[in-house]
């Protein structure tokens, strides 16, 4: 029975993660170039992305 609960938590986490990615992608598509550059710089300085 613990496997059921563990799998259920993973399913919920995976669903929530995918939902957040979808929302973030949607927001990014509407950003201006300056906003994207600021976001890129912020993500770079925090180590989320490498310099292009």
N, C-alpha and C. Protein backbone atom coordinates (compact mmCIF):
# COMPACT_ATOMS: atom_id res chain seq x y z
N UNK A 1 0.83 -1.20 0.00
CA UNK A 1 0.00 0.00 0.00
C UNK A 1 0.86 1.26 0.00
N UNK A 2 2.04 1.20 0.59
CA UNK A 2 2.89 2.39 0.60
C UNK A 2 3.36 2.74 -0.81
N UNK A 3 3.53 1.74 -1.68
CA UNK A 3 3.88 2.03 -3.07
C UNK A 3 2.80 2.84 -3.76
N UNK A 4 1.55 2.54 -3.46
CA UNK A 4 0.42 3.29 -4.04
C UNK A 4 0.52 4.76 -3.65
N UNK A 5 0.75 5.01 -2.37
CA UNK A 5 0.83 6.40 -1.90
C UNK A 5 2.06 7.09 -2.46
N UNK A 6 3.18 6.37 -2.54
CA UNK A 6 4.40 6.94 -3.10
C UNK A 6 4.21 7.26 -4.57
N UNK A 7 3.60 6.36 -5.32
CA UNK A 7 3.34 6.60 -6.73
C UNK A 7 2.38 7.77 -6.91
N UNK A 8 1.39 7.84 -6.05
CA UNK A 8 0.40 8.92 -6.12
C UNK A 8 1.08 10.27 -5.90
N UNK A 9 1.98 10.34 -4.91
CA UNK A 9 2.69 11.59 -4.66
C UNK A 9 3.56 11.97 -5.85
N UNK A 10 4.24 10.99 -6.44
CA UNK A 10 5.06 11.27 -7.62
C UNK A 10 4.20 11.76 -8.78
N UNK A 11 3.04 11.13 -8.98
CA UNK A 11 2.13 11.55 -10.04
C UNK A 11 1.67 12.99 -9.82
N UNK A 12 1.31 13.32 -8.58
CA UNK A 12 0.87 14.68 -8.26
C UNK A 12 2.01 15.68 -8.47
N UNK A 13 3.22 15.31 -8.06
CA UNK A 13 4.37 16.19 -8.23
C UNK A 13 4.68 16.38 -9.71
N UNK A 14 4.64 15.30 -10.47
CA UNK A 14 4.90 15.39 -11.91
C UNK A 14 3.85 16.26 -12.60
N UNK A 15 2.60 16.09 -12.22
CA UNK A 15 1.53 16.90 -12.81
C UNK A 15 1.73 18.37 -12.47
N UNK A 16 2.02 18.66 -11.21
CA UNK A 16 2.20 20.04 -10.77
C UNK A 16 3.40 20.68 -11.49
N UNK A 17 4.48 19.90 -11.64
CA UNK A 17 5.67 20.38 -12.33
C UNK A 17 5.34 20.72 -13.78
N UNK A 18 4.66 19.83 -14.48
CA UNK A 18 4.29 20.07 -15.87
C UNK A 18 3.36 21.28 -16.00
N UNK A 19 2.46 21.43 -15.07
CA UNK A 19 1.54 22.57 -15.09
C UNK A 19 2.30 23.89 -14.91
N UNK A 20 3.26 23.90 -13.99
CA UNK A 20 4.07 25.10 -13.78
C UNK A 20 4.91 25.42 -15.02
N UNK A 21 5.49 24.41 -15.63
CA UNK A 21 6.27 24.62 -16.85
C UNK A 21 5.39 25.21 -17.94
N UNK A 22 4.19 24.69 -18.09
CA UNK A 22 3.26 25.20 -19.10
C UNK A 22 2.93 26.67 -18.84
N UNK A 23 2.66 27.03 -17.60
CA UNK A 23 2.32 28.42 -17.26
C UNK A 23 3.51 29.35 -17.49
N UNK A 24 4.71 28.89 -17.12
CA UNK A 24 5.90 29.70 -17.31
C UNK A 24 6.17 29.90 -18.80
N UNK A 25 6.07 28.85 -19.58
CA UNK A 25 6.25 28.96 -21.04
C UNK A 25 5.27 29.95 -21.64
N UNK A 26 4.04 29.89 -21.20
CA UNK A 26 3.01 30.81 -21.71
C UNK A 26 3.38 32.25 -21.38
N UNK A 27 3.85 32.49 -20.16
CA UNK A 27 4.23 33.85 -19.75
C UNK A 27 5.44 34.33 -20.54
N UNK A 28 6.41 33.46 -20.76
CA UNK A 28 7.62 33.83 -21.48
C UNK A 28 7.30 34.24 -22.91
N UNK A 29 6.35 33.56 -23.52
CA UNK A 29 5.98 33.88 -24.90
C UNK A 29 5.45 35.30 -25.05
N UNK A 30 4.95 35.89 -23.97
CA UNK A 30 4.38 37.23 -24.04
C UNK A 30 5.36 38.33 -23.60
N UNK A 31 6.58 37.95 -23.18
CA UNK A 31 7.55 38.92 -22.68
C UNK A 31 8.20 39.68 -23.83
N UNK A 32 8.60 40.91 -23.54
CA UNK A 32 9.35 41.71 -24.49
C UNK A 32 10.80 41.24 -24.50
N UNK A 33 11.55 41.72 -25.48
CA UNK A 33 12.97 41.37 -25.56
C UNK A 33 13.71 41.83 -24.31
N UNK A 34 13.44 43.03 -23.84
CA UNK A 34 14.11 43.54 -22.64
C UNK A 34 13.78 42.68 -21.42
N UNK A 35 12.54 42.26 -21.30
CA UNK A 35 12.15 41.40 -20.18
C UNK A 35 12.85 40.04 -20.26
N UNK A 36 12.93 39.50 -21.49
CA UNK A 36 13.63 38.22 -21.68
C UNK A 36 15.11 38.35 -21.37
N UNK A 37 15.72 39.46 -21.77
CA UNK A 37 17.13 39.67 -21.46
C UNK A 37 17.36 39.77 -19.96
N UNK A 38 16.47 40.45 -19.26
CA UNK A 38 16.59 40.55 -17.80
C UNK A 38 16.41 39.19 -17.14
N UNK A 39 15.45 38.43 -17.61
CA UNK A 39 15.22 37.09 -17.08
C UNK A 39 16.43 36.20 -17.35
N UNK A 40 16.96 36.28 -18.56
CA UNK A 40 18.13 35.49 -18.93
C UNK A 40 19.32 35.83 -18.04
N UNK A 41 19.55 37.11 -17.81
CA UNK A 41 20.66 37.54 -16.96
C UNK A 41 20.47 37.02 -15.54
N UNK A 42 19.27 37.14 -15.03
CA UNK A 42 18.98 36.67 -13.67
C UNK A 42 19.22 35.17 -13.56
N UNK A 43 18.75 34.42 -14.53
CA UNK A 43 18.93 32.96 -14.51
C UNK A 43 20.40 32.59 -14.67
N UNK A 44 21.14 33.36 -15.48
CA UNK A 44 22.57 33.11 -15.65
C UNK A 44 23.32 33.35 -14.34
N UNK A 45 23.03 34.47 -13.68
CA UNK A 45 23.75 34.79 -12.44
C UNK A 45 23.43 33.80 -11.32
N UNK A 46 22.29 33.15 -11.41
CA UNK A 46 21.92 32.14 -10.39
C UNK A 46 22.34 30.72 -10.80
N UNK A 47 22.95 30.61 -11.98
CA UNK A 47 23.48 29.32 -12.40
C UNK A 47 22.47 28.38 -13.05
N UNK A 48 21.30 28.89 -13.41
CA UNK A 48 20.29 28.04 -14.06
C UNK A 48 20.58 27.81 -15.53
N UNK A 49 21.26 28.78 -16.16
CA UNK A 49 21.62 28.63 -17.58
C UNK A 49 23.08 29.04 -17.74
N UNK A 50 23.69 28.56 -18.83
CA UNK A 50 25.07 28.93 -19.14
C UNK A 50 25.07 30.05 -20.16
N UNK A 51 26.19 30.76 -20.21
CA UNK A 51 26.31 31.85 -21.17
C UNK A 51 26.20 31.31 -22.59
N UNK A 52 25.46 32.02 -23.40
CA UNK A 52 25.24 31.59 -24.80
C UNK A 52 26.32 32.11 -25.69
